[in-house]
């Protein structure tokens, strides 16, 4: 029996792709909102963390 036959036997299987798309869309919108409305100073400090950590290890 092929995999598609298993999926066809599940009742309401068509809703799963819609739910997946909805979760992805909500997550994408939330991340975009956080990036545009977030504190710029926090993002600048977070961007410098890898460089500052590397400088501390070299000393």
C-alpha atoms as a PDB file:
ATOM      1  CA  UNK A   1       0.000   0.000   0.000  1.00  0.00           C
ATOM      2  CA  UNK A   2       1.366   3.413  -0.971  1.00  0.00           C
ATOM      3  CA  UNK A   3       1.698   6.343   1.389  1.00  0.00           C
ATOM      4  CA  UNK A   4      -0.978   8.341  -0.446  1.00  0.00           C
ATOM      5  CA  UNK A   5      -3.487   5.618   0.338  1.00  0.00           C
ATOM      6  CA  UNK A   6      -2.858   6.082   4.048  1.00  0.00           C
ATOM      7  CA  UNK A   7      -3.425   9.825   3.754  1.00  0.00           C
ATOM      8  CA  UNK A   8      -6.661   9.348   1.831  1.00  0.00           C
ATOM      9  CA  UNK A   9      -8.022   7.139   4.604  1.00  0.00           C
ATOM     10  CA  UNK A  10      -7.624   9.877   7.241  1.00  0.00           C
ATOM     11  CA  UNK A  11     -10.794  11.866   7.775  1.00  0.00           C
ATOM     12  CA  UNK A  12     -10.291  15.621   7.332  1.00  0.00           C
ATOM     13  CA  UNK A  13      -6.702  15.322   6.097  1.00  0.00           C
ATOM     14  CA  UNK A  14      -7.179  18.381   3.861  1.00  0.00           C
ATOM     15  CA  UNK A  15      -7.147  20.727   6.841  1.00  0.00           C
ATOM     16  CA  UNK A  16      -3.526  19.947   7.801  1.00  0.00           C
ATOM     17  CA  UNK A  17      -1.884  21.873   4.933  1.00  0.00           C
ATOM     18  CA  UNK A  18      -4.112  24.851   5.701  1.00  0.00           C
ATOM     19  CA  UNK A  19      -3.164  24.766   9.379  1.00  0.00           C
ATOM     20  CA  UNK A  20       0.534  24.522   8.466  1.00  0.00           C
ATOM     21  CA  UNK A  21       0.258  27.519   6.153  1.00  0.00           C
ATOM     22  CA  UNK A  22      -1.577  29.506   8.808  1.00  0.00           C
ATOM     23  CA  UNK A  23       1.065  28.734  11.464  1.00  0.00           C
ATOM     24  CA  UNK A  24       3.860  29.735   9.069  1.00  0.00           C
ATOM     25  CA  UNK A  25       2.094  32.966   8.100  1.00  0.00           C
ATOM     26  CA  UNK A  26       1.398  33.980  11.713  1.00  0.00           C
ATOM     27  CA  UNK A  27       5.009  33.248  12.696  1.00  0.00           C
ATOM     28  CA  UNK A  28       6.353  35.221   9.717  1.00  0.00           C
ATOM     29  CA  UNK A  29       4.134  38.221  10.486  1.00  0.00           C
ATOM     30  CA  UNK A  30       5.100  38.110  14.183  1.00  0.00           C
ATOM     31  CA  UNK A  31       8.832  38.026  13.437  1.00  0.00           C
ATOM     32  CA  UNK A  32       8.479  40.845  10.909  1.00  0.00           C
ATOM     33  CA  UNK A  33       6.553  42.920  13.452  1.00  0.00           C
ATOM     34  CA  UNK A  34       9.175  42.308  16.149  1.00  0.00           C
ATOM     35  CA  UNK A  35      12.003  43.286  13.810  1.00  0.00           C
ATOM     36  CA  UNK A  36      10.402  46.542  12.684  1.00  0.00           C
ATOM     37  CA  UNK A  37       9.029  47.593  16.088  1.00  0.00           C
ATOM     38  CA  UNK A  38      11.899  46.276  18.212  1.00  0.00           C
ATOM     39  CA  UNK A  39      14.449  48.318  20.108  1.00  0.00           C
ATOM     40  CA  UNK A  40      17.251  49.255  17.695  1.00  0.00           C
ATOM     41  CA  UNK A  41      19.797  49.530  20.511  1.00  0.00           C
ATOM     42  CA  UNK A  42      19.065  45.965  21.599  1.00  0.00           C
ATOM     43  CA  UNK A  43      19.568  44.686  18.046  1.00  0.00           C
ATOM     44  CA  UNK A  44      22.838  46.597  17.699  1.00  0.00           C
ATOM     45  CA  UNK A  45      24.143  45.149  20.973  1.00  0.00           C
ATOM     46  CA  UNK A  46      23.044  41.653  19.980  1.00  0.00           C
ATOM     47  CA  UNK A  47      24.811  42.033  16.626  1.00  0.00           C
ATOM     48  CA  UNK A  48      28.081  42.858  18.399  1.00  0.00           C
ATOM     49  CA  UNK A  49      28.005  39.869  20.754  1.00  0.00           C
ATOM     50  CA  UNK A  50      29.897  37.397  18.516  1.00  0.00           C
ATOM     51  CA  UNK A  51      32.675  39.922  17.841  1.00  0.00           C
ATOM     52  CA  UNK A  52      32.994  40.994  21.481  1.00  0.00           C
ATOM     53  CA  UNK A  53      33.070  37.379  22.653  1.00  0.00           C
ATOM     54  CA  UNK A  54      35.800  36.549  20.151  1.00  0.00           C
ATOM     55  CA  UNK A  55      37.902  39.543  21.247  1.00  0.00           C
ATOM     56  CA  UNK A  56      37.683  38.447  24.897  1.00  0.00           C
ATOM     57  CA  UNK A  57      38.955  34.957  24.044  1.00  0.00           C
ATOM     58  CA  UNK A  58      41.986  36.327  22.171  1.00  0.00           C
ATOM     59  CA  UNK A  59      43.208  38.431  25.112  1.00  0.00           C
END
